[in-house]
Structures are given as structure tokens and as C-alpha cells.
Amino acid sequence: MYKLKLVQAGNEIAAILPAELIARLQVGMGDALFAAESPDGFILTPHDPEFVHQVHTAATIMKRRHQALKVLCR
């Protein structure tokens, strides 16, 4: 578990992330993080949850319609 410190940054509040957490998330200065709400609180991730959902949906459709897509590729 990591402890995040909140600090004043102009008119906003910013969270300071420990270097180890930044390394584990594989993010850097200027990257976006998404806070997704879960039953246990929030999940901090560098991946847009909506985009991940769309990719999973597309993969499901491609698997189900494999033959049709194969014919369309010809």
C-alpha cells in the first residue's frame, strides 16, 4: 500500500506519488492516470477503463464472427 500526500498546486490540489509507485505504474511526467471507482474504493490505473472495455468487446465480437471476418478479408 502506498500513501499519497495531497499538496496545494495553484488553485488545485495535487497528489504526490512515491517514485516506487510511479515505476510500478510505468508512468512519467505528463502521463494521465485514471481513478476508477470499485466496491473497495478507487483503483488508480494508467489505462482508460472505457477503452479497455471497448477492446474486450471488439475481441469478443471478432472471436464470435471469425468466419465472417475471414471471408471479408479476401
C-alpha atoms as a PDB file:
ATOM      1  CA  MET A   1       0.000   0.000   0.000  1.00  0.00           C
ATOM      2  CA  TYR A   2       1.231   3.464  -0.831  1.00  0.00           C
ATOM      3  CA  LYS A   3       0.498   6.711   0.994  1.00  0.00           C
ATOM      4  CA  LEU A   4      -0.222   9.694  -1.259  1.00  0.00           C
ATOM      5  CA  LYS A   5       0.315  13.213   0.039  1.00  0.00           C
ATOM      6  CA  LEU A   6      -2.015  15.999  -1.110  1.00  0.00           C
ATOM      7  CA  VAL A   7      -0.476  19.436  -1.681  1.00  0.00           C
ATOM      8  CA  GLN A   8      -1.717  22.807  -2.939  1.00  0.00           C
ATOM      9  CA  ALA A   9      -0.744  23.478  -6.576  1.00  0.00           C
ATOM     10  CA  GLY A  10      -2.072  26.890  -7.532  1.00  0.00           C
ATOM     11  CA  ASN A  11      -5.869  26.715  -7.356  1.00  0.00           C
ATOM     12  CA  GLU A  12      -5.869  22.906  -7.399  1.00  0.00           C
ATOM     13  CA  ILE A  13      -4.847  20.055  -5.146  1.00  0.00           C
ATOM     14  CA  ALA A  14      -2.204  17.637  -6.410  1.00  0.00           C
ATOM     15  CA  ALA A  15      -1.216  14.198  -5.167  1.00  0.00           C
ATOM     16  CA  ILE A  16       2.456  13.354  -4.732  1.00  0.00           C
ATOM     17  CA  LEU A  17       3.167   9.784  -5.825  1.00  0.00           C
ATOM     18  CA  PRO A  18       6.186   7.927  -4.441  1.00  0.00           C
ATOM     19  CA  ALA A  19       8.874   7.062  -7.003  1.00  0.00           C
ATOM     20  CA  GLU A  20       8.299   3.327  -6.481  1.00  0.00           C
ATOM     21  CA  LEU A  21       4.583   3.696  -7.326  1.00  0.00           C
ATOM     22  CA  ILE A  22       5.403   5.707 -10.454  1.00  0.00           C
ATOM     23  CA  ALA A  23       7.799   2.967 -11.543  1.00  0.00           C
ATOM     24  CA  ARG A  24       5.241   0.212 -10.866  1.00  0.00           C
ATOM     25  CA  LEU A  25       2.562   2.091 -12.848  1.00  0.00           C
ATOM     26  CA  GLN A  26       5.118   2.690 -15.633  1.00  0.00           C
ATOM     27  CA  VAL A  27       4.158   6.352 -15.970  1.00  0.00           C
ATOM     28  CA  GLY A  28       6.069   9.598 -16.062  1.00  0.00           C
ATOM     29  CA  MET A  29       5.631  13.340 -16.089  1.00  0.00           C
ATOM     30  CA  GLY A  30       2.707  14.371 -18.311  1.00  0.00           C
ATOM     31  CA  ASP A  31       1.069  10.913 -18.441  1.00  0.00           C
ATOM     32  CA  ALA A  32      -2.572  10.527 -17.453  1.00  0.00           C
ATOM     33  CA  LEU A  33      -3.829   8.325 -14.629  1.00  0.00           C
ATOM     34  CA  PHE A  34      -7.431   7.195 -14.282  1.00  0.00           C
ATOM     35  CA  ALA A  35      -9.170   6.724 -10.920  1.00  0.00           C
ATOM     36  CA  ALA A  36     -11.826   4.051 -11.414  1.00  0.00           C
ATOM     37  CA  GLU A  37     -14.371   3.541  -8.655  1.00  0.00           C
ATOM     38  CA  SER A  38     -14.657  -0.002  -7.310  1.00  0.00           C
ATOM     39  CA  PRO A  39     -16.578  -1.619  -4.432  1.00  0.00           C
ATOM     40  CA  ASP A  40     -13.412  -1.326  -2.303  1.00  0.00           C
ATOM     41  CA  GLY A  41     -12.740   2.352  -3.106  1.00  0.00           C
ATOM     42  CA  PHE A  42     -10.766   3.563  -6.117  1.00  0.00           C
ATOM     43  CA  ILE A  43      -8.309   1.893  -8.489  1.00  0.00           C
ATOM     44  CA  LEU A  44      -5.534   4.064  -9.911  1.00  0.00           C
ATOM     45  CA  THR A  45      -4.511   2.924 -13.404  1.00  0.00           C
ATOM     46  CA  PRO A  46      -2.704   4.346 -16.444  1.00  0.00           C
ATOM     47  CA  HIS A  47      -5.245   2.617 -18.712  1.00  0.00           C
ATOM     48  CA  ASP A  48      -8.572   4.213 -19.646  1.00  0.00           C
ATOM     49  CA  PRO A  49     -11.165   1.733 -18.320  1.00  0.00           C
ATOM     50  CA  GLU A  50     -13.638   2.636 -21.086  1.00  0.00           C
ATOM     51  CA  PHE A  51     -11.049   1.925 -23.797  1.00  0.00           C
ATOM     52  CA  VAL A  52     -10.130  -1.401 -22.167  1.00  0.00           C
ATOM     53  CA  HIS A  53     -13.829  -2.337 -22.167  1.00  0.00           C
ATOM     54  CA  GLN A  54     -14.124  -1.448 -25.863  1.00  0.00           C
ATOM     55  CA  VAL A  55     -11.087  -3.582 -26.744  1.00  0.00           C
ATOM     56  CA  HIS A  56     -12.503  -6.568 -24.845  1.00  0.00           C
ATOM     57  CA  THR A  57     -15.849  -6.134 -26.616  1.00  0.00           C
ATOM     58  CA  ALA A  58     -14.138  -5.974 -30.021  1.00  0.00           C
ATOM     59  CA  ALA A  59     -12.114  -9.109 -29.246  1.00  0.00           C
ATOM     60  CA  THR A  60     -15.287 -10.976 -28.261  1.00  0.00           C
ATOM     61  CA  ILE A  61     -17.039  -9.956 -31.491  1.00  0.00           C
ATOM     62  CA  MET A  62     -14.014 -10.878 -33.625  1.00  0.00           C
ATOM     63  CA  LYS A  63     -13.817 -14.289 -31.971  1.00  0.00           C
ATOM     64  CA  ARG A  64     -17.539 -14.930 -32.448  1.00  0.00           C
ATOM     65  CA  ARG A  65     -17.578 -13.671 -36.067  1.00  0.00           C
ATOM     66  CA  HIS A  66     -14.221 -15.136 -37.081  1.00  0.00           C
ATOM     67  CA  GLN A  67     -15.516 -16.848 -40.240  1.00  0.00           C
ATOM     68  CA  ALA A  68     -17.327 -13.743 -41.477  1.00  0.00           C
ATOM     69  CA  LEU A  69     -14.241 -11.594 -40.934  1.00  0.00           C
ATOM     70  CA  LYS A  70     -12.082 -14.171 -42.705  1.00  0.00           C
ATOM     71  CA  VAL A  71     -14.367 -14.001 -45.787  1.00  0.00           C
ATOM     72  CA  LEU A  72     -14.333 -10.183 -45.723  1.00  0.00           C
ATOM     73  CA  CYS A  73     -10.506 -10.175 -45.714  1.00  0.00           C
ATOM     74  CA  ARG A  74     -10.353 -11.895 -49.109  1.00  0.00           C
END
